[in-house]
C-alpha atoms as a PDB file:
ATOM      1  CA  UNK A   1     243.436 139.652 127.603  1.00  0.00           C
ATOM      2  CA  UNK A   2     243.581 141.570 124.351  1.00  0.00           C
ATOM      3  CA  UNK A   3     243.860 138.382 122.220  1.00  0.00           C
ATOM      4  CA  UNK A   4     240.357 137.249 123.211  1.00  0.00           C
ATOM      5  CA  UNK A   5     237.694 138.169 120.656  1.00  0.00           C
ATOM      6  CA  UNK A   6     234.294 139.178 122.041  1.00  0.00           C
ATOM      7  CA  UNK A   7     231.094 139.359 120.047  1.00  0.00           C
ATOM      8  CA  UNK A   8     228.537 141.715 121.578  1.00  0.00           C
ATOM      9  CA  UNK A   9     224.860 141.530 120.615  1.00  0.00           C
ATOM     10  CA  UNK A  10     222.633 144.394 121.773  1.00  0.00           C
ATOM     11  CA  UNK A  11     224.182 147.827 122.332  1.00  0.00           C
ATOM     12  CA  UNK A  12     221.270 149.737 123.855  1.00  0.00           C
ATOM     13  CA  UNK A  13     221.191 151.913 126.978  1.00  0.00           C
ATOM     14  CA  UNK A  14     223.449 149.556 128.939  1.00  0.00           C
ATOM     15  CA  UNK A  15     224.974 147.338 126.268  1.00  0.00           C
ATOM     16  CA  UNK A  16     226.664 150.223 124.484  1.00  0.00           C
ATOM     17  CA  UNK A  17     228.589 151.206 127.606  1.00  0.00           C
ATOM     18  CA  UNK A  18     229.519 147.585 128.288  1.00  0.00           C
ATOM     19  CA  UNK A  19     230.862 147.005 124.775  1.00  0.00           C
ATOM     20  CA  UNK A  20     232.848 150.225 124.987  1.00  0.00           C
ATOM     21  CA  UNK A  21     234.401 149.265 128.345  1.00  0.00           C
ATOM     22  CA  UNK A  22     235.472 145.885 126.991  1.00  0.00           C
ATOM     23  CA  UNK A  23     237.140 147.521 123.979  1.00  0.00           C
ATOM     24  CA  UNK A  24     238.861 150.048 126.227  1.00  0.00           C
ATOM     25  CA  UNK A  25     240.114 147.159 128.389  1.00  0.00           C
ATOM     26  CA  UNK A  26     241.969 145.781 125.381  1.00  0.00           C
ATOM     27  CA  UNK A  27     239.620 143.148 124.007  1.00  0.00           C
ATOM     28  CA  UNK A  28     238.799 142.905 120.339  1.00  0.00           C
ATOM     29  CA  UNK A  29     235.046 143.571 120.278  1.00  0.00           C
ATOM     30  CA  UNK A  30     232.677 143.075 117.353  1.00  0.00           C
ATOM     31  CA  UNK A  31     229.165 144.384 118.026  1.00  0.00           C
ATOM     32  CA  UNK A  32     225.751 144.186 116.413  1.00  0.00           C
ATOM     33  CA  UNK A  33     222.607 146.113 117.247  1.00  0.00           C
ATOM     34  CA  UNK A  34     219.185 145.876 115.611  1.00  0.00           C
ATOM     35  CA  UNK A  35     219.159 149.686 115.233  1.00  0.00           C
ATOM     36  CA  UNK A  36     222.547 150.183 113.612  1.00  0.00           C
ATOM     37  CA  UNK A  37     222.711 153.923 114.355  1.00  0.00           C
ATOM     38  CA  UNK A  38     222.800 153.195 118.090  1.00  0.00           C
ATOM     39  CA  UNK A  39     225.975 151.150 117.630  1.00  0.00           C
ATOM     40  CA  UNK A  40     227.755 153.542 115.261  1.00  0.00           C
ATOM     41  CA  UNK A  41     229.240 155.711 118.034  1.00  0.00           C
ATOM     42  CA  UNK A  42     231.107 152.682 119.397  1.00  0.00           C
ATOM     43  CA  UNK A  43     233.469 152.719 116.431  1.00  0.00           C
ATOM     44  CA  UNK A  44     235.295 155.652 118.027  1.00  0.00           C
ATOM     45  CA  UNK A  45     236.099 153.385 120.993  1.00  0.00           C
ATOM     46  CA  UNK A  46     237.588 150.734 118.718  1.00  0.00           C
ATOM     47  CA  UNK A  47     234.535 148.478 118.499  1.00  0.00           C
ATOM     48  CA  UNK A  48     234.099 146.752 115.144  1.00  0.00           C
ATOM     49  CA  UNK A  49     230.541 146.769 113.798  1.00  0.00           C
ATOM     50  CA  UNK A  50     228.871 143.692 112.309  1.00  0.00           C
ATOM     51  CA  UNK A  51     225.979 143.655 109.869  1.00  0.00           C
ATOM     52  CA  UNK A  52     224.224 140.736 111.535  1.00  0.00           C
ATOM     53  CA  UNK A  53     224.161 138.861 114.866  1.00  0.00           C
ATOM     54  CA  UNK A  54     225.884 135.913 113.209  1.00  0.00           C
ATOM     55  CA  UNK A  55     228.565 138.272 111.913  1.00  0.00           C
ATOM     56  CA  UNK A  56     229.315 139.408 115.459  1.00  0.00           C
ATOM     57  CA  UNK A  57     229.455 135.820 116.711  1.00  0.00           C
ATOM     58  CA  UNK A  58     231.162 133.744 114.050  1.00  0.00           C
ATOM     59  CA  UNK A  59     234.790 134.447 114.984  1.00  0.00           C
ATOM     60  CA  UNK A  60     234.270 135.223 118.676  1.00  0.00           C
ATOM     61  CA  UNK A  61     235.662 133.306 121.631  1.00  0.00           C
ATOM     62  CA  UNK A  62     232.946 134.815 123.833  1.00  0.00           C
ATOM     63  CA  UNK A  63     229.561 136.171 122.716  1.00  0.00           C
ATOM     64  CA  UNK A  64     227.729 138.497 125.118  1.00  0.00           C
ATOM     65  CA  UNK A  65     224.001 138.984 124.639  1.00  0.00           C
ATOM     66  CA  UNK A  66     222.410 142.142 126.099  1.00  0.00           C
ATOM     67  CA  UNK A  67     218.978 142.175 124.475  1.00  0.00           C
ATOM     68  CA  UNK A  68     215.683 143.291 125.958  1.00  0.00           C
ATOM     69  CA  UNK A  69     213.745 140.113 126.760  1.00  0.00           C
ATOM     70  CA  UNK A  70     213.592 136.337 126.635  1.00  0.00           C
ATOM     71  CA  UNK A  71     211.665 136.161 123.340  1.00  0.00           C
ATOM     72  CA  UNK A  72     214.037 138.634 121.673  1.00  0.00           C
ATOM     73  CA  UNK A  73     217.045 136.668 122.937  1.00  0.00           C
ATOM     74  CA  UNK A  74     215.594 133.421 121.637  1.00  0.00           C
ATOM     75  CA  UNK A  75     214.873 135.024 118.258  1.00  0.00           C
ATOM     76  CA  UNK A  76     218.406 136.342 117.812  1.00  0.00           C
ATOM     77  CA  UNK A  77     220.298 133.485 119.439  1.00  0.00           C
ATOM     78  CA  UNK A  78     218.389 130.390 118.338  1.00  0.00           C
ATOM     79  CA  UNK A  79     216.913 131.181 114.909  1.00  0.00           C
ATOM     80  CA  UNK A  80     218.310 129.543 111.786  1.00  0.00           C
ATOM     81  CA  UNK A  81     221.373 131.533 110.798  1.00  0.00           C
ATOM     82  CA  UNK A  82     221.472 133.137 114.244  1.00  0.00           C
ATOM     83  CA  UNK A  83     224.117 133.525 116.905  1.00  0.00           C
ATOM     84  CA  UNK A  84     224.274 129.987 118.290  1.00  0.00           C
ATOM     85  CA  UNK A  85     224.453 128.427 114.846  1.00  0.00           C
ATOM     86  CA  UNK A  86     227.329 130.784 113.949  1.00  0.00           C
ATOM     87  CA  UNK A  87     229.375 130.188 117.107  1.00  0.00           C
ATOM     88  CA  UNK A  88     232.384 127.886 117.087  1.00  0.00           C
ATOM     89  CA  UNK A  89     232.323 124.793 119.326  1.00  0.00           C
ATOM     90  CA  UNK A  90     234.238 125.570 122.516  1.00  0.00           C
ATOM     91  CA  UNK A  91     233.200 129.230 122.510  1.00  0.00           C
ATOM     92  CA  UNK A  92     231.124 130.660 125.358  1.00  0.00           C
ATOM     93  CA  UNK A  93     227.728 132.335 125.137  1.00  0.00           C
ATOM     94  CA  UNK A  94     227.072 134.778 128.004  1.00  0.00           C
ATOM     95  CA  UNK A  95     223.475 136.001 128.254  1.00  0.00           C
ATOM     96  CA  UNK A  96     223.471 139.157 130.375  1.00  0.00           C
ATOM     97  CA  UNK A  97     219.869 140.039 129.540  1.00  0.00           C
ATOM     98  CA  UNK A  98     217.148 139.569 132.154  1.00  0.00           C
ATOM     99  CA  UNK A  99     215.183 136.537 130.946  1.00  0.00           C
ATOM    100  CA  UNK A 100     212.997 133.865 132.571  1.00  0.00           C
ATOM    101  CA  UNK A 101     214.802 131.103 134.452  1.00  0.00           C
ATOM    102  CA  UNK A 102     213.325 128.400 132.221  1.00  0.00           C
ATOM    103  CA  UNK A 103     214.468 130.324 129.121  1.00  0.00           C
ATOM    104  CA  UNK A 104     218.047 130.386 130.406  1.00  0.00           C
ATOM    105  CA  UNK A 105     217.963 126.657 131.151  1.00  0.00           C
ATOM    106  CA  UNK A 106     216.557 125.895 127.706  1.00  0.00           C
ATOM    107  CA  UNK A 107     219.213 128.042 126.033  1.00  0.00           C
ATOM    108  CA  UNK A 108     221.920 126.285 128.063  1.00  0.00           C
ATOM    109  CA  UNK A 109     220.695 122.906 126.829  1.00  0.00           C
ATOM    110  CA  UNK A 110     220.631 123.988 123.202  1.00  0.00           C
ATOM    111  CA  UNK A 111     224.096 125.531 123.518  1.00  0.00           C
ATOM    112  CA  UNK A 112     225.461 122.292 124.974  1.00  0.00           C
ATOM    113  CA  UNK A 113     224.093 120.356 121.998  1.00  0.00           C
ATOM    114  CA  UNK A 114     226.296 122.507 119.747  1.00  0.00           C
ATOM    115  CA  UNK A 115     229.372 122.251 121.973  1.00  0.00           C
ATOM    116  CA  UNK A 116     229.016 125.868 123.145  1.00  0.00           C
ATOM    117  CA  UNK A 117     229.489 126.784 126.810  1.00  0.00           C
ATOM    118  CA  UNK A 118     226.666 128.804 128.388  1.00  0.00           C
ATOM    119  CA  UNK A 119     226.546 131.303 131.251  1.00  0.00           C
ATOM    120  CA  UNK A 120     223.518 133.361 132.279  1.00  0.00           C
ATOM    121  CA  UNK A 121     224.893 136.521 133.896  1.00  0.00           C
ATOM    122  CA  UNK A 122     222.241 139.217 134.312  1.00  0.00           C
ATOM    123  CA  UNK A 123     223.298 142.505 135.844  1.00  0.00           C
ATOM    124  CA  UNK A 124     222.043 145.231 138.140  1.00  0.00           C
ATOM    125  CA  UNK A 125     223.180 148.830 138.336  1.00  0.00           C
ATOM    126  CA  UNK A 126     221.430 150.478 135.426  1.00  0.00           C
ATOM    127  CA  UNK A 127     223.030 152.822 132.942  1.00  0.00           C
ATOM    128  CA  UNK A 128     225.240 154.359 135.628  1.00  0.00           C
ATOM    129  CA  UNK A 129     226.693 150.975 136.568  1.00  0.00           C
ATOM    130  CA  UNK A 130     227.201 150.041 132.920  1.00  0.00           C
ATOM    131  CA  UNK A 131     228.958 153.326 132.195  1.00  0.00           C
ATOM    132  CA  UNK A 132     231.198 153.167 135.267  1.00  0.00           C
ATOM    133  CA  UNK A 133     231.902 149.433 135.276  1.00  0.00           C
ATOM    134  CA  UNK A 134     230.255 148.932 138.665  1.00  0.00           C
ATOM    135  CA  UNK A 135     227.502 146.484 137.730  1.00  0.00           C
ATOM    136  CA  UNK A 136     226.505 143.653 140.056  1.00  0.00           C
ATOM    137  CA  UNK A 137     226.905 140.536 137.890  1.00  0.00           C
ATOM    138  CA  UNK A 138     225.008 137.378 138.918  1.00  0.00           C
ATOM    139  CA  UNK A 139     226.325 134.351 137.052  1.00  0.00           C
ATOM    140  CA  UNK A 140     224.809 130.919 136.568  1.00  0.00           C
ATOM    141  CA  UNK A 141     226.782 128.133 134.925  1.00  0.00           C
ATOM    142  CA  UNK A 142     229.658 125.751 135.545  1.00  0.00           C
ATOM    143  CA  UNK A 143     231.998 127.224 138.158  1.00  0.00           C
ATOM    144  CA  UNK A 144     235.154 126.685 136.099  1.00  0.00           C
ATOM    145  CA  UNK A 145     233.602 128.298 133.039  1.00  0.00           C
ATOM    146  CA  UNK A 146     232.518 131.349 134.998  1.00  0.00           C
ATOM    147  CA  UNK A 147     235.961 131.645 136.596  1.00  0.00           C
ATOM    148  CA  UNK A 148     237.616 131.399 133.174  1.00  0.00           C
ATOM    149  CA  UNK A 149     235.872 134.618 132.132  1.00  0.00           C
ATOM    150  CA  UNK A 150     236.865 136.666 135.180  1.00  0.00           C
ATOM    151  CA  UNK A 151     238.956 138.978 132.984  1.00  0.00           C
ATOM    152  CA  UNK A 152     235.953 139.595 130.700  1.00  0.00           C
ATOM    153  CA  UNK A 153     233.630 140.410 133.591  1.00  0.00           C
ATOM    154  CA  UNK A 154     236.178 142.613 135.420  1.00  0.00           C
ATOM    155  CA  UNK A 155     235.738 145.765 133.252  1.00  0.00           C
ATOM    156  CA  UNK A 156     231.965 145.491 133.693  1.00  0.00           C
ATOM    157  CA  UNK A 157     231.578 145.128 137.449  1.00  0.00           C
ATOM    158  CA  UNK A 158     231.582 142.767 140.431  1.00  0.00           C
ATOM    159  CA  UNK A 159     231.032 139.084 139.639  1.00  0.00           C
ATOM    160  CA  UNK A 160     229.311 136.544 141.896  1.00  0.00           C
ATOM    161  CA  UNK A 161     228.872 132.933 140.803  1.00  0.00           C
ATOM    162  CA  UNK A 162     225.466 131.829 142.084  1.00  0.00           C
ATOM    163  CA  UNK A 163     225.213 128.213 140.900  1.00  0.00           C
ATOM    164  CA  UNK A 164     224.218 126.226 137.797  1.00  0.00           C
ATOM    165  CA  UNK A 165     222.618 127.686 134.669  1.00  0.00           C
ATOM    166  CA  UNK A 166     219.445 129.615 135.478  1.00  0.00           C
ATOM    167  CA  UNK A 167     220.440 130.641 138.986  1.00  0.00           C
ATOM    168  CA  UNK A 168     221.869 133.924 137.739  1.00  0.00           C
ATOM    169  CA  UNK A 169     218.374 134.761 136.526  1.00  0.00           C
ATOM    170  CA  UNK A 170     216.913 133.701 139.887  1.00  0.00           C
ATOM    171  CA  UNK A 171     219.248 136.147 141.616  1.00  0.00           C
ATOM    172  CA  UNK A 172     218.264 138.876 139.159  1.00  0.00           C
ATOM    173  CA  UNK A 173     214.572 138.283 139.850  1.00  0.00           C
ATOM    174  CA  UNK A 174     215.276 138.654 143.568  1.00  0.00           C
ATOM    175  CA  UNK A 175     217.137 141.873 142.783  1.00  0.00           C
ATOM    176  CA  UNK A 176     214.288 143.200 140.656  1.00  0.00           C
ATOM    177  CA  UNK A 177     211.678 142.532 143.321  1.00  0.00           C
ATOM    178  CA  UNK A 178     213.762 144.445 145.873  1.00  0.00           C
ATOM    179  CA  UNK A 179     214.460 147.332 143.474  1.00  0.00           C
ATOM    180  CA  UNK A 180     210.861 147.619 142.270  1.00  0.00           C
ATOM    181  CA  UNK A 181     209.473 147.505 145.810  1.00  0.00           C
ATOM    182  CA  UNK A 182     212.009 150.073 146.979  1.00  0.00           C
ATOM    183  CA  UNK A 183     211.180 152.438 144.114  1.00  0.00           C
ATOM    184  CA  UNK A 184     207.487 152.234 144.965  1.00  0.00           C
ATOM    185  CA  UNK A 185     208.171 152.778 148.679  1.00  0.00           C
ATOM    186  CA  UNK A 186     210.331 155.841 147.989  1.00  0.00           C
ATOM    187  CA  UNK A 187     207.684 157.216 145.615  1.00  0.00           C
ATOM    188  CA  UNK A 188     204.921 156.715 148.207  1.00  0.00           C
ATOM    189  CA  UNK A 189     207.028 158.377 150.903  1.00  0.00           C
ATOM    190  CA  UNK A 190     207.736 161.436 148.747  1.00  0.00           C
ATOM    191  CA  UNK A 191     204.092 161.736 147.664  1.00  0.00           C
ATOM    192  CA  UNK A 192     203.092 161.592 151.344  1.00  0.00           C
ATOM    193  CA  UNK A 193     205.681 164.237 152.237  1.00  0.00           C
ATOM    194  CA  UNK A 194     204.553 166.500 149.401  1.00  0.00           C
ATOM    195  CA  UNK A 195     200.855 166.178 150.187  1.00  0.00           C
ATOM    196  CA  UNK A 196     201.523 166.722 153.900  1.00  0.00           C
ATOM    197  CA  UNK A 197     203.222 170.042 153.245  1.00  0.00           C
ATOM    198  CA  UNK A 198     206.937 169.177 153.371  1.00  0.00           C
ATOM    199  CA  UNK A 199     209.461 169.768 150.620  1.00  0.00           C
ATOM    200  CA  UNK A 200     210.162 166.279 149.152  1.00  0.00           C
ATOM    201  CA  UNK A 201     213.719 167.347 148.321  1.00  0.00           C
ATOM    202  CA  UNK A 202     214.416 168.195 151.957  1.00  0.00           C
ATOM    203  CA  UNK A 203     212.753 164.990 153.189  1.00  0.00           C
ATOM    204  CA  UNK A 204     214.980 162.967 150.869  1.00  0.00           C
ATOM    205  CA  UNK A 205     218.016 164.896 152.098  1.00  0.00           C
ATOM    206  CA  UNK A 206     217.083 164.238 155.721  1.00  0.00           C
ATOM    207  CA  UNK A 207     216.749 160.476 155.152  1.00  0.00           C
ATOM    208  CA  UNK A 208     220.195 160.012 153.609  1.00  0.00           C
ATOM    209  CA  UNK A 209     222.465 158.107 155.958  1.00  0.00           C
ATOM    210  CA  UNK A 210     219.612 156.703 158.060  1.00  0.00           C
ATOM    211  CA  UNK A 211     217.987 153.282 157.886  1.00  0.00           C
ATOM    212  CA  UNK A 212     215.822 154.410 154.945  1.00  0.00           C
ATOM    213  CA  UNK A 213     218.886 155.265 152.863  1.00  0.00           C
ATOM    214  CA  UNK A 214     219.461 153.234 149.697  1.00  0.00           C
ATOM    215  CA  UNK A 215     220.780 153.538 146.178  1.00  0.00           C
ATOM    216  CA  UNK A 216     217.156 153.910 145.084  1.00  0.00           C
ATOM    217  CA  UNK A 217     216.562 156.818 147.492  1.00  0.00           C
ATOM    218  CA  UNK A 218     219.768 158.499 146.327  1.00  0.00           C
ATOM    219  CA  UNK A 219     219.380 158.033 142.569  1.00  0.00           C
ATOM    220  CA  UNK A 220     215.686 157.546 141.937  1.00  0.00           C
ATOM    221  CA  UNK A 221     214.548 159.743 144.788  1.00  0.00           C
ATOM    222  CA  UNK A 222     216.540 162.522 143.143  1.00  0.00           C
ATOM    223  CA  UNK A 223     214.864 161.760 139.812  1.00  0.00           C
ATOM    224  CA  UNK A 224     211.449 162.073 141.480  1.00  0.00           C
ATOM    225  CA  UNK A 225     212.388 165.367 143.118  1.00  0.00           C
ATOM    226  CA  UNK A 226     213.750 166.725 139.835  1.00  0.00           C
ATOM    227  CA  UNK A 227     210.965 165.316 137.636  1.00  0.00           C
ATOM    228  CA  UNK A 228     213.659 163.710 135.471  1.00  0.00           C
ATOM    229  CA  UNK A 229     212.313 160.473 134.022  1.00  0.00           C
ATOM    230  CA  UNK A 230     214.621 160.055 131.030  1.00  0.00           C
ATOM    231  CA  UNK A 231     215.094 156.289 131.097  1.00  0.00           C
ATOM    232  CA  UNK A 232     218.056 154.582 132.618  1.00  0.00           C
ATOM    233  CA  UNK A 233     215.807 151.561 133.180  1.00  0.00           C
ATOM    234  CA  UNK A 234     212.512 151.840 131.280  1.00  0.00           C
ATOM    235  CA  UNK A 235     209.341 151.058 133.220  1.00  0.00           C
ATOM    236  CA  UNK A 236     208.227 148.512 130.617  1.00  0.00           C
ATOM    237  CA  UNK A 237     211.277 146.378 131.441  1.00  0.00           C
ATOM    238  CA  UNK A 238     210.618 146.677 135.166  1.00  0.00           C
ATOM    239  CA  UNK A 239     207.091 145.395 134.497  1.00  0.00           C
ATOM    240  CA  UNK A 240     208.535 142.554 132.414  1.00  0.00           C
ATOM    241  CA  UNK A 241     210.698 141.499 135.364  1.00  0.00           C
ATOM    242  CA  UNK A 242     207.981 141.713 138.028  1.00  0.00           C
ATOM    243  CA  UNK A 243     205.716 139.727 135.722  1.00  0.00           C
ATOM    244  CA  UNK A 244     208.421 137.092 135.220  1.00  0.00           C
ATOM    245  CA  UNK A 245     208.946 136.842 138.985  1.00  0.00           C
ATOM    246  CA  UNK A 246     205.231 136.417 139.632  1.00  0.00           C
ATOM    247  CA  UNK A 247     204.908 133.771 136.921  1.00  0.00           C
ATOM    248  CA  UNK A 248     207.725 131.792 138.538  1.00  0.00           C
ATOM    249  CA  UNK A 249     206.192 132.285 141.986  1.00  0.00           C
ATOM    250  CA  UNK A 250     202.931 130.892 140.636  1.00  0.00           C
ATOM    251  CA  UNK A 251     204.700 127.836 139.247  1.00  0.00           C
ATOM    252  CA  UNK A 252     206.330 127.320 142.656  1.00  0.00           C
ATOM    253  CA  UNK A 253     202.992 127.867 144.445  1.00  0.00           C
ATOM    254  CA  UNK A 254     204.325 130.916 146.288  1.00  0.00           C
ATOM    255  CA  UNK A 255     202.344 133.980 147.350  1.00  0.00           C
ATOM    256  CA  UNK A 256     204.238 137.269 146.984  1.00  0.00           C
ATOM    257  CA  UNK A 257     201.733 139.967 147.990  1.00  0.00           C
ATOM    258  CA  UNK A 258     204.166 142.892 147.904  1.00  0.00           C
ATOM    259  CA  UNK A 259     205.335 141.883 144.432  1.00  0.00           C
ATOM    260  CA  UNK A 260     201.713 141.667 143.254  1.00  0.00           C
ATOM    261  CA  UNK A 261     201.004 145.227 144.423  1.00  0.00           C
ATOM    262  CA  UNK A 262     204.226 146.566 142.903  1.00  0.00           C
ATOM    263  CA  UNK A 263     203.505 144.794 139.604  1.00  0.00           C
ATOM    264  CA  UNK A 264     200.046 146.418 139.527  1.00  0.00           C
ATOM    265  CA  UNK A 265     201.567 149.875 140.022  1.00  0.00           C
ATOM    266  CA  UNK A 266     204.053 149.426 137.180  1.00  0.00           C
ATOM    267  CA  UNK A 267     201.329 147.939 134.980  1.00  0.00           C
ATOM    268  CA  UNK A 268     199.261 151.071 135.575  1.00  0.00           C
ATOM    269  CA  UNK A 269     202.251 153.290 134.734  1.00  0.00           C
ATOM    270  CA  UNK A 270     202.745 151.447 131.438  1.00  0.00           C
ATOM    271  CA  UNK A 271     199.012 151.516 130.641  1.00  0.00           C
ATOM    272  CA  UNK A 272     199.007 155.290 131.269  1.00  0.00           C
ATOM    273  CA  UNK A 273     201.649 155.698 128.579  1.00  0.00           C
ATOM    274  CA  UNK A 274     204.783 155.722 130.712  1.00  0.00           C
ATOM    275  CA  UNK A 275     206.381 152.502 129.538  1.00  0.00           C
ATOM    276  CA  UNK A 276     209.374 154.252 127.989  1.00  0.00           C
ATOM    277  CA  UNK A 277     209.929 156.500 131.018  1.00  0.00           C
ATOM    278  CA  UNK A 278     212.379 155.568 133.755  1.00  0.00           C
ATOM    279  CA  UNK A 279     210.896 153.151 136.294  1.00  0.00           C
ATOM    280  CA  UNK A 280     211.130 155.904 138.919  1.00  0.00           C
ATOM    281  CA  UNK A 281     208.183 157.479 137.055  1.00  0.00           C
ATOM    282  CA  UNK A 282     205.929 155.267 139.174  1.00  0.00           C
ATOM    283  CA  UNK A 283     206.019 158.445 141.283  1.00  0.00           C
ATOM    284  CA  UNK A 284     203.772 160.011 138.617  1.00  0.00           C
ATOM    285  CA  UNK A 285     201.340 157.114 138.812  1.00  0.00           C
ATOM    286  CA  UNK A 286     201.030 157.607 142.565  1.00  0.00           C
ATOM    287  CA  UNK A 287     200.465 161.324 142.048  1.00  0.00           C
ATOM    288  CA  UNK A 288     197.767 160.536 139.494  1.00  0.00           C
ATOM    289  CA  UNK A 289     196.108 158.009 141.787  1.00  0.00           C
ATOM    290  CA  UNK A 290     195.943 160.676 144.463  1.00  0.00           C
ATOM    291  CA  UNK A 291     194.778 163.350 142.011  1.00  0.00           C
ATOM    292  CA  UNK A 292     197.959 165.352 142.429  1.00  0.00           C
ATOM    293  CA  UNK A 293     197.677 166.769 138.903  1.00  0.00           C
ATOM    294  CA  UNK A 294     200.060 169.498 137.925  1.00  0.00           C
ATOM    295  CA  UNK A 295     203.072 169.376 135.641  1.00  0.00           C
ATOM    296  CA  UNK A 296     204.215 166.015 136.935  1.00  0.00           C
ATOM    297  CA  UNK A 297     201.142 164.080 135.802  1.00  0.00           C
ATOM    298  CA  UNK A 298     201.350 161.857 132.753  1.00  0.00           C
END
């Protein structure tokens, strides 16, 4: 595996851990990040640093993109002198960012025109999953091309091939609706417990192992109890994903009433100034809505 050269574009909260794990697995990794200081620490793990996205991509067999949004991905990947233009024909572009389905399909078409293979492979698991290599990876693209990168995905987490290009993003939208709804439900439950006179920490403890148990209750419920909203997954990105899901639902003439309510809660959190807090900080929005006040309020 070590003879495969990976270009990595976007080494933020999750991308930095992912690039490090690939280097530690024996791959040659060349990384670029818009804020260079955030990538500098990766040099100690053996990651080479590039001065531009094209510099990270030009000699790579596989380029992984882990940027924040569809427009940012398009800017870095598709602009003149950008990643796609720099990639060699026969190389593979893997977009692991969460982007709209139609954006992934458009990128796949433009990659094909340049002889570049394309896989959309968004992930779930947050910073913890990225650090530990336990991400859920949802891949869209040609089956043989996804299978050919099994060794690249292995240090990052558990791979599932969903279907053709764009279906990885569909799976991620489904994931984000479930996660966002679960976070809001846990937050409501703990606000109810607190207002009713129970210790939210003990209520959370009591629910572990029952039907209400979940990764969200364990990780984000603990964040709510502790008042720790340092971002693993910023609320502004959660809002981006619920908005993307609702836009697609509208195009498909679907009604998703739970998603609409959840989107409104995260929109309020962002409007109240909590966009850079962890998405579990929707707990604070619910406290504010119920005039909880106190140290937890935004």
